[in-house]
N, C-alpha and C. Protein backbone atom coordinates (compact mmCIF):
# COMPACT_ATOMS: atom_id res chain seq x y z
N ASP A 1 14.36 -7.60 -6.85
CA ASP A 1 15.12 -8.93 -7.27
C ASP A 1 14.70 -9.65 -7.73
N TYR A 2 13.23 -10.00 -7.48
CA TYR A 2 11.25 -10.81 -7.96
C TYR A 2 10.53 -9.68 -8.59
N PRO A 3 10.49 -9.40 -9.35
CA PRO A 3 8.95 -7.87 -9.92
C PRO A 3 7.79 -8.64 -9.86
N TYR A 4 7.00 -8.68 -10.16
CA TYR A 4 5.14 -8.99 -10.34
C TYR A 4 5.30 -9.32 -11.68
N THR A 5 4.98 -10.75 -12.00
CA THR A 5 5.10 -10.69 -13.22
C THR A 5 3.61 -11.70 -13.64
N ALA A 6 2.28 -12.14 -12.22
CA ALA A 6 0.77 -12.77 -12.32
C ALA A 6 1.47 -13.65 -12.91
N VAL A 7 2.28 -14.67 -12.99
CA VAL A 7 2.30 -15.88 -12.86
C VAL A 7 3.32 -16.59 -12.12
N ARG A 8 3.24 -18.28 -12.31
CA ARG A 8 4.01 -18.22 -11.66
C ARG A 8 6.06 -19.04 -11.16
N GLY A 9 6.68 -18.60 -11.10
CA GLY A 9 8.05 -18.20 -11.28
C GLY A 9 8.88 -19.39 -11.02
N ALA A 10 10.29 -19.54 -10.57
CA ALA A 10 11.37 -20.44 -9.42
C ALA A 10 11.31 -19.68 -9.12
N CYS A 11 12.20 -20.04 -7.41
CA CYS A 11 13.08 -19.76 -6.85
C CYS A 11 14.08 -19.48 -7.25
N ASN A 12 14.94 -18.68 -6.96
CA ASN A 12 16.62 -18.24 -7.85
C ASN A 12 17.04 -18.98 -6.24
N ARG A 13 17.51 -19.88 -5.73
CA ARG A 13 17.83 -20.65 -4.57
C ARG A 13 19.02 -19.89 -4.36
N ALA A 14 20.23 -18.70 -5.17
CA ALA A 14 21.21 -18.32 -4.72
C ALA A 14 20.92 -16.89 -3.81
N LYS A 15 19.25 -16.61 -4.70
CA LYS A 15 18.84 -14.83 -4.33
C LYS A 15 18.42 -15.20 -2.50
N SER A 16 17.55 -16.80 -2.19
CA SER A 16 17.00 -16.69 -1.79
C SER A 16 17.81 -17.08 -0.10
N ALA A 17 18.63 -17.83 -0.03
CA ALA A 17 19.26 -18.14 1.24
C ALA A 17 19.81 -16.43 1.62
N HIS A 18 19.94 -15.08 0.41
CA HIS A 18 20.72 -14.51 1.66
C HIS A 18 19.43 -13.47 2.00
N HIS A 19 20.17 -12.64 3.08
CA HIS A 19 18.90 -12.33 3.73
C HIS A 19 19.29 -10.56 4.29
N THR A 20 18.46 -9.88 3.76
CA THR A 20 19.18 -7.95 4.17
C THR A 20 18.47 -7.93 5.17
N VAL A 21 16.93 -8.43 5.70
CA VAL A 21 16.02 -7.91 7.16
C VAL A 21 16.25 -9.25 7.43
N LYS A 22 15.72 -9.56 9.27
CA LYS A 22 14.66 -10.40 9.56
C LYS A 22 13.89 -9.44 10.17
N ILE A 23 13.02 -10.50 9.74
CA ILE A 23 11.27 -10.12 10.70
C ILE A 23 11.54 -10.93 12.06
N LEU A 24 10.85 -9.65 13.20
CA LEU A 24 10.89 -9.27 14.01
C LEU A 24 9.82 -10.18 14.71
N GLY A 25 8.58 -9.64 13.83
CA GLY A 25 7.64 -9.43 14.36
C GLY A 25 6.31 -8.74 13.77
N GLY A 26 5.02 -8.26 14.30
CA GLY A 26 4.05 -7.37 13.25
C GLY A 26 3.68 -6.70 15.14
N GLY A 27 4.03 -5.51 14.54
CA GLY A 27 2.44 -4.35 15.01
C GLY A 27 1.50 -4.11 14.73
N VAL A 28 1.00 -3.32 14.61
CA VAL A 28 -0.93 -3.05 14.40
C VAL A 28 -1.52 -1.21 14.71
N ILE A 29 -1.49 -0.46 13.94
CA ILE A 29 -2.30 0.52 13.66
C ILE A 29 -3.50 1.03 14.52
N PRO A 30 -3.57 1.93 15.35
CA PRO A 30 -4.93 1.45 15.74
C PRO A 30 -5.86 1.76 14.56
N PRO A 31 -7.50 2.37 14.63
CA PRO A 31 -8.08 2.76 13.43
C PRO A 31 -7.89 3.58 13.35
N ARG A 32 -8.25 4.45 12.56
CA ARG A 32 -8.67 6.19 11.55
C ARG A 32 -7.32 6.68 12.25
N ASN A 33 -6.17 6.69 12.03
CA ASN A 33 -4.41 7.04 12.56
C ASN A 33 -4.51 7.13 11.43
N GLU A 34 -4.22 8.28 10.98
CA GLU A 34 -2.97 8.25 9.46
C GLU A 34 -2.09 8.97 10.25
N PRO A 35 -2.11 10.30 10.20
CA PRO A 35 -1.17 10.45 11.22
C PRO A 35 0.48 9.07 11.98
N GLU A 36 -0.86 8.18 12.20
CA GLU A 36 0.70 7.16 12.82
C GLU A 36 0.94 5.97 11.80
N MET A 37 -0.13 6.18 10.79
CA MET A 37 0.25 4.83 9.08
C MET A 37 2.13 6.16 8.72
N GLN A 38 1.92 7.30 9.09
CA GLN A 38 2.42 8.24 7.64
C GLN A 38 3.72 8.03 8.69
N VAL A 39 3.92 7.98 9.88
CA VAL A 39 5.25 7.55 11.10
C VAL A 39 5.98 5.69 10.45
N ALA A 40 4.63 5.18 10.25
CA ALA A 40 5.26 3.39 9.79
C ALA A 40 5.82 3.21 8.65
N VAL A 41 5.80 3.97 7.46
CA VAL A 41 5.20 3.40 6.35
C VAL A 41 6.92 3.84 6.20
N SER A 42 7.12 5.73 7.26
CA SER A 42 8.77 5.83 6.13
C SER A 42 9.80 5.45 7.34
N GLY A 43 9.08 4.33 8.07
CA GLY A 43 10.71 2.64 8.08
C GLY A 43 9.44 1.66 7.21
N GLN A 44 9.11 1.53 6.92
CA GLN A 44 8.65 0.24 6.09
C GLN A 44 7.63 0.52 4.84
N PRO A 45 7.38 -1.11 4.08
CA PRO A 45 6.08 -0.78 3.54
C PRO A 45 4.69 -1.32 5.16
N ILE A 46 3.47 -0.87 4.73
CA ILE A 46 2.50 -1.30 5.81
C ILE A 46 1.63 -1.95 5.03
N GLY A 47 1.04 -2.75 5.25
CA GLY A 47 0.32 -3.57 4.86
C GLY A 47 -1.37 -3.24 5.32
N VAL A 48 -2.55 -2.54 4.63
CA VAL A 48 -3.56 -2.30 4.40
C VAL A 48 -4.67 -3.11 4.62
N ALA A 49 -6.17 -3.04 4.50
CA ALA A 49 -7.19 -3.28 3.97
C ALA A 49 -8.27 -2.22 3.12
N ILE A 50 -9.05 -2.89 2.25
CA ILE A 50 -9.22 -1.41 1.30
C ILE A 50 -10.84 -2.52 0.85
N GLU A 51 -11.81 -1.19 0.57
CA GLU A 51 -12.57 -1.15 -0.55
C GLU A 51 -12.37 -1.02 -1.53
N VAL A 52 -11.39 -2.52 -3.04
CA VAL A 52 -12.10 -1.82 -3.73
C VAL A 52 -13.18 -0.48 -4.91
N GLY A 53 -13.00 0.12 -4.41
CA GLY A 53 -14.30 0.44 -5.15
C GLY A 53 -14.85 0.95 -6.98
N SER A 54 -16.19 1.30 -7.80
CA SER A 54 -16.54 1.49 -8.64
C SER A 54 -15.46 1.32 -10.06
N GLY A 55 -14.44 2.30 -9.27
CA GLY A 55 -13.72 3.27 -10.76
C GLY A 55 -12.62 2.84 -10.46
N MET A 56 -12.35 2.12 -9.11
CA MET A 56 -10.68 1.91 -8.97
C MET A 56 -10.04 0.93 -10.04
N GLN A 57 -10.70 -0.24 -10.54
CA GLN A 57 -10.66 -1.35 -11.44
C GLN A 57 -10.05 -0.37 -12.65
N PHE A 58 -10.50 1.26 -12.95
CA PHE A 58 -9.54 1.13 -14.45
C PHE A 58 -8.91 2.95 -14.12
N TYR A 59 -8.74 2.65 -13.29
CA TYR A 59 -7.34 3.43 -12.98
C TYR A 59 -6.56 3.85 -14.02
N LYS A 60 -5.62 4.83 -13.70
CA LYS A 60 -4.65 5.10 -14.19
C LYS A 60 -3.69 5.93 -13.84
N SER A 61 -4.62 6.74 -13.45
CA SER A 61 -2.83 8.11 -13.29
C SER A 61 -3.78 9.17 -12.21
N GLY A 62 -3.13 9.51 -11.72
CA GLY A 62 -3.58 11.07 -11.29
C GLY A 62 -3.99 9.86 -9.27
N VAL A 63 -4.40 11.16 -8.67
CA VAL A 63 -4.92 11.39 -6.85
C VAL A 63 -6.29 10.31 -7.17
N TYR A 64 -5.98 8.88 -7.06
CA TYR A 64 -7.83 8.70 -6.30
C TYR A 64 -8.02 8.35 -5.35
N SER A 65 -8.92 9.44 -5.72
CA SER A 65 -10.17 9.71 -4.95
C SER A 65 -12.13 9.51 -4.58
N GLY A 66 -12.00 8.11 -5.17
CA GLY A 66 -13.01 7.89 -5.33
C GLY A 66 -14.15 7.19 -6.23
N PRO A 67 -14.74 7.24 -6.06
CA PRO A 67 -15.55 6.84 -4.74
C PRO A 67 -15.73 5.25 -4.02
N CYS A 68 -15.26 5.03 -3.06
CA CYS A 68 -15.48 3.52 -2.49
C CYS A 68 -16.07 3.51 -1.38
N GLY A 69 -16.37 2.97 -0.93
CA GLY A 69 -17.10 2.72 0.98
C GLY A 69 -15.49 1.94 2.27
N THR A 70 -16.81 1.56 2.80
CA THR A 70 -15.95 0.83 3.62
C THR A 70 -16.05 -0.77 4.16
N ASN A 71 -16.35 -1.68 3.62
CA ASN A 71 -16.21 -2.98 3.14
C ASN A 71 -15.11 -3.63 3.08
N LEU A 72 -13.88 -3.77 3.69
CA LEU A 72 -13.29 -4.12 4.10
C LEU A 72 -13.26 -5.44 2.83
N ALA A 73 -11.88 -5.68 1.71
CA ALA A 73 -12.33 -7.21 1.00
C ALA A 73 -10.61 -7.03 -0.08
N HIS A 74 -10.40 -6.17 0.06
CA HIS A 74 -9.39 -6.91 -1.20
C HIS A 74 -7.20 -6.04 -0.39
N ALA A 75 -5.98 -6.38 -0.04
CA ALA A 75 -5.03 -6.38 0.54
C ALA A 75 -4.18 -5.84 0.51
N VAL A 76 -3.40 -4.35 0.36
CA VAL A 76 -2.64 -3.85 -0.02
C VAL A 76 -1.49 -3.63 0.48
N THR A 77 -0.41 -2.25 -0.26
CA THR A 77 0.75 -2.52 0.75
C THR A 77 1.19 -0.77 0.50
N ILE A 78 1.46 -0.26 1.37
CA ILE A 78 0.84 1.60 1.35
C ILE A 78 2.84 1.14 1.16
N VAL A 79 4.20 1.84 -0.10
CA VAL A 79 5.45 1.67 0.44
C VAL A 79 5.54 3.65 0.48
N GLY A 80 4.36 4.42 0.42
CA GLY A 80 5.01 5.81 0.20
C GLY A 80 4.08 6.50 0.59
N TYR A 81 3.97 7.59 0.12
CA TYR A 81 4.20 8.95 1.00
C TYR A 81 3.73 9.92 0.40
N GLY A 82 2.73 11.41 -0.01
CA GLY A 82 3.53 12.20 -0.46
C GLY A 82 2.64 13.36 -0.87
N VAL A 83 2.60 14.52 -1.67
CA VAL A 83 1.57 15.58 -2.30
C VAL A 83 1.96 16.15 -3.71
N ASP A 84 -0.02 15.61 -4.43
CA ASP A 84 0.80 16.20 -6.46
C ASP A 84 1.26 17.32 -6.10
N ALA A 85 2.41 17.40 -7.15
CA ALA A 85 2.70 18.92 -6.84
C ALA A 85 1.35 19.64 -8.26
N PRO A 86 1.08 19.51 -8.80
CA PRO A 86 -0.57 20.38 -9.69
C PRO A 86 -0.89 20.65 -8.62
N THR A 87 -1.61 19.26 -8.66
CA THR A 87 -3.36 19.61 -7.06
C THR A 87 -3.17 19.97 -6.05
N GLY A 88 -1.92 19.82 -5.29
CA GLY A 88 -2.26 19.82 -3.51
C GLY A 88 -2.36 18.56 -2.97
N ALA A 89 -2.62 18.05 -3.47
CA ALA A 89 -3.23 16.44 -3.09
C ALA A 89 -2.23 15.23 -1.98
N LYS A 90 -2.83 15.45 -1.13
CA LYS A 90 -1.54 14.66 -0.67
C LYS A 90 -2.18 13.25 -0.73
N TYR A 91 -1.11 11.76 -0.39
CA TYR A 91 -1.59 10.46 -1.10
C TYR A 91 -0.93 9.15 -0.83
N TRP A 92 -1.66 8.42 -0.68
CA TRP A 92 0.01 7.00 -0.31
C TRP A 92 -0.09 6.51 -1.17
N LEU A 93 0.46 5.80 -1.65
CA LEU A 93 1.41 5.35 -2.87
C LEU A 93 1.22 3.71 -2.47
N VAL A 94 0.42 3.06 -3.14
CA VAL A 94 -0.14 2.29 -2.82
C VAL A 94 0.12 1.14 -3.65
N LYS A 95 1.56 0.16 -3.25
CA LYS A 95 1.49 -1.71 -4.38
C LYS A 95 0.04 -1.69 -4.23
N ASN A 96 -0.62 -2.14 -5.57
CA ASN A 96 -1.03 -3.62 -5.67
C ASN A 96 -0.97 -4.29 -6.67
N SER A 97 -2.18 -5.45 -6.87
CA SER A 97 -1.33 -6.89 -7.08
C SER A 97 -1.76 -7.51 -8.51
N TRP A 98 -1.96 -6.11 -9.18
CA TRP A 98 -3.43 -6.38 -10.43
C TRP A 98 -2.30 -6.64 -11.81
N GLY A 99 -0.60 -5.98 -10.94
CA GLY A 99 0.34 -6.48 -11.92
C GLY A 99 0.25 -4.45 -12.62
N GLN A 100 1.81 -4.66 -13.52
CA GLN A 100 2.28 -3.73 -14.03
C GLN A 100 1.84 -2.90 -15.16
N THR A 101 1.03 -3.36 -15.42
CA THR A 101 0.28 -2.54 -16.43
C THR A 101 -1.45 -1.85 -15.89
N TRP A 102 -1.96 -2.36 -14.86
CA TRP A 102 -2.78 -1.33 -14.29
C TRP A 102 -1.96 -0.28 -13.54
N GLY A 103 -2.76 1.25 -13.74
CA GLY A 103 -2.44 2.29 -12.95
C GLY A 103 -1.24 2.29 -13.73
N GLU A 104 0.24 3.03 -12.86
CA GLU A 104 0.41 4.01 -12.56
C GLU A 104 1.71 2.54 -12.37
N SER A 105 2.47 1.57 -13.40
CA SER A 105 2.33 1.05 -13.20
C SER A 105 2.49 -0.40 -11.80
N GLY A 106 1.28 -0.69 -11.39
CA GLY A 106 1.06 -1.50 -10.45
C GLY A 106 1.31 -0.44 -9.48
N TYR A 107 1.14 0.49 -8.89
CA TYR A 107 0.84 1.47 -8.08
C TYR A 107 -0.30 2.77 -8.43
N ILE A 108 -0.75 2.20 -7.21
CA ILE A 108 -1.77 4.37 -7.48
C ILE A 108 -1.46 4.61 -5.91
N ARG A 109 -1.96 5.82 -6.11
CA ARG A 109 -2.09 7.02 -5.55
C ARG A 109 -3.29 7.35 -4.93
N MET A 110 -3.53 7.35 -4.07
CA MET A 110 -4.62 7.16 -3.32
C MET A 110 -4.41 8.74 -2.07
N ARG A 111 -6.21 9.15 -2.23
CA ARG A 111 -5.81 10.19 -1.89
C ARG A 111 -6.12 9.64 0.20
N ARG A 112 -5.06 10.87 0.71
CA ARG A 112 -4.62 10.80 2.33
C ARG A 112 -5.10 11.41 2.74
N ASP A 113 -5.43 11.69 4.67
CA ASP A 113 -5.75 13.08 5.20
C ASP A 113 -6.89 13.01 4.87
N VAL A 114 -8.04 12.20 4.63
CA VAL A 114 -8.76 12.27 4.23
C VAL A 114 -10.57 12.07 5.73
N GLY A 115 -10.21 11.57 6.84
CA GLY A 115 -9.82 11.50 7.96
C GLY A 115 -11.35 10.58 8.65
N GLY A 116 -11.50 10.49 8.96
CA GLY A 116 -12.60 9.14 9.52
C GLY A 116 -11.36 7.60 9.65
N PRO A 117 -12.27 6.95 8.23
CA PRO A 117 -11.61 5.24 8.85
C PRO A 117 -10.25 6.00 6.95
N GLY A 118 -10.73 6.83 6.47
CA GLY A 118 -9.43 6.75 5.56
C GLY A 118 -10.73 6.50 3.77
N LEU A 119 -9.83 7.07 3.08
CA LEU A 119 -10.09 7.01 1.86
C LEU A 119 -9.98 5.66 1.29
N CYS A 120 -11.90 4.75 0.74
CA CYS A 120 -11.82 3.56 0.96
C CYS A 120 -11.16 2.89 1.95
N GLY A 121 -11.51 2.56 3.13
CA GLY A 121 -10.88 2.39 4.48
C GLY A 121 -10.00 2.56 4.49
N ILE A 122 -8.74 2.60 4.26
CA ILE A 122 -7.47 2.56 4.41
C ILE A 122 -7.01 2.10 5.37
N ALA A 123 -7.67 3.19 6.44
CA ALA A 123 -7.61 3.56 7.93
C ALA A 123 -7.67 2.50 8.78
N LEU A 124 -8.82 1.98 8.09
CA LEU A 124 -9.27 0.51 9.28
C LEU A 124 -8.87 -0.10 9.66
N ASP A 125 -7.56 -1.46 8.89
CA ASP A 125 -7.85 -2.26 9.25
C ASP A 125 -5.63 -2.41 8.56
N VAL A 126 -4.78 -1.78 9.28
CA VAL A 126 -3.42 -0.97 9.24
C VAL A 126 -1.87 -2.10 9.78
N VAL A 127 -1.06 -3.51 9.34
CA VAL A 127 0.10 -3.71 10.24
C VAL A 127 0.72 -3.57 8.92
N TYR A 128 2.20 -3.72 9.80
CA TYR A 128 3.65 -3.73 9.35
C TYR A 128 3.97 -4.86 10.50
N PRO A 129 5.94 -5.11 9.44
CA PRO A 129 6.28 -5.56 10.13
C PRO A 129 7.61 -5.33 10.93
N LYS A 130 7.55 -5.71 12.25
CA LYS A 130 8.35 -5.33 12.77
C LYS A 130 10.00 -5.63 12.10
N MET A 131 11.20 -5.16 11.69
CA MET A 131 12.39 -6.09 11.40
C MET A 131 13.64 -5.39 11.75
N ALA A 132 14.69 -5.92 11.16
CA ALA A 132 16.58 -5.48 11.94
C ALA A 132 16.75 -6.59 10.71
N LYS A 133 18.05 -5.41 10.72
CA LYS A 133 19.22 -6.21 9.55
C LYS A 133 20.01 -7.45 10.63
N ALA A 134 19.28 -7.86 9.23
CA ALA A 134 20.19 -9.70 9.14
C ALA A 134 21.67 -9.25 9.45
């Protein structure tokens, strides 16, 4: 209903009065637990912090595999996961805040199941909303 446009917009009062879900609270996934992240993102988006590697700002497409470290300084949202058909690489589907002209229409596919802190520290600081239908 509100696509990212990178500019300040007006709120549609009719839309803002209608709630489809109610936020009941939040949950935290223990660090270094990508399997639990996969379970959580099956039910709702999850918020994570990552380090933006030097090449990430120039990402265009494909499964990103670095380089990057674990100096967490950028928040993004994981909205799904999958396996890249041509390469077999497992990935997280991540919504970034840099607009639709960046990456794959505003998304990046980041390599999944790399162990430890995850690629770019993606498995170190993970939160998610606990929701119910409104």
